[in-house]
Amino acid sequence: MSYSSPKTPTITSPVLLDKRIQSLQIALSALSWLDYSFARARLQTKETEQQGLVSYPEVFQGDGLDWQDVFPNDILKSFCFWYVPGGEVLDYPQDRYHEAVTQLIFQVNLKKIDPGKTYYYLEELKKDVLDILALKLKQQETLTAYFDNVRDVYTEFTTDYIAPRYVSKDFGFMRFDILLKYFNRECAV
């Protein structure tokens, strides 16, 4: 697994929630400051000497490649990924639509994105994301919450495992909780 050059594949024929997420993943890659727009992460666990069992997010990089750990790191300038913390509501057999609360998580190294800025400009990046979501979310989809504290952003994972150096003015974290809706038949994107 390479932290310095991860892959951000798209699924050839995504269906259901993966199809909806992929359409937004592609739209977000238009952000000039975003290096990697990953798809849905899966919860992984590992045993460590200091913390015992820890949970962290990993994303698929493609067939034959290792999964990419997307916990905070200082190698990548910026990345985002999707996480689905709970279940999905399936409208079966009526098939009107299904829905899931998703988390869109960003980590940015502010010092690397714009070294000339000396202030904490995370709000500017948040606005960029909100502008894309305003264009790409369907009418019945809603942004339900926003967080920018690293512990709140990674609340589904073992936050004690995050190195203290990432809780500084050089790094920014954002989590957008979004209710996505998609159809069983054709997902209108």
Foldseek 3Di string as FASTA:
>chain_A
DDPQDFAADQDPDDAAPQVLQRVLLVLVVPPPLADERHEEWDWDWDQDPPPGIWIFTWGDRDPPDDTHTPADDDNDQKYKYKYFLDDKADPPPVQPKIKGWMKIKMKHQQCVSDVVDPAQPVVVVVVVSVVSCVVRADPPKDFDDKDKQSCVRPVSIDSVPHDPVCRDSRMIMMMTTMMHMATRPHGDD
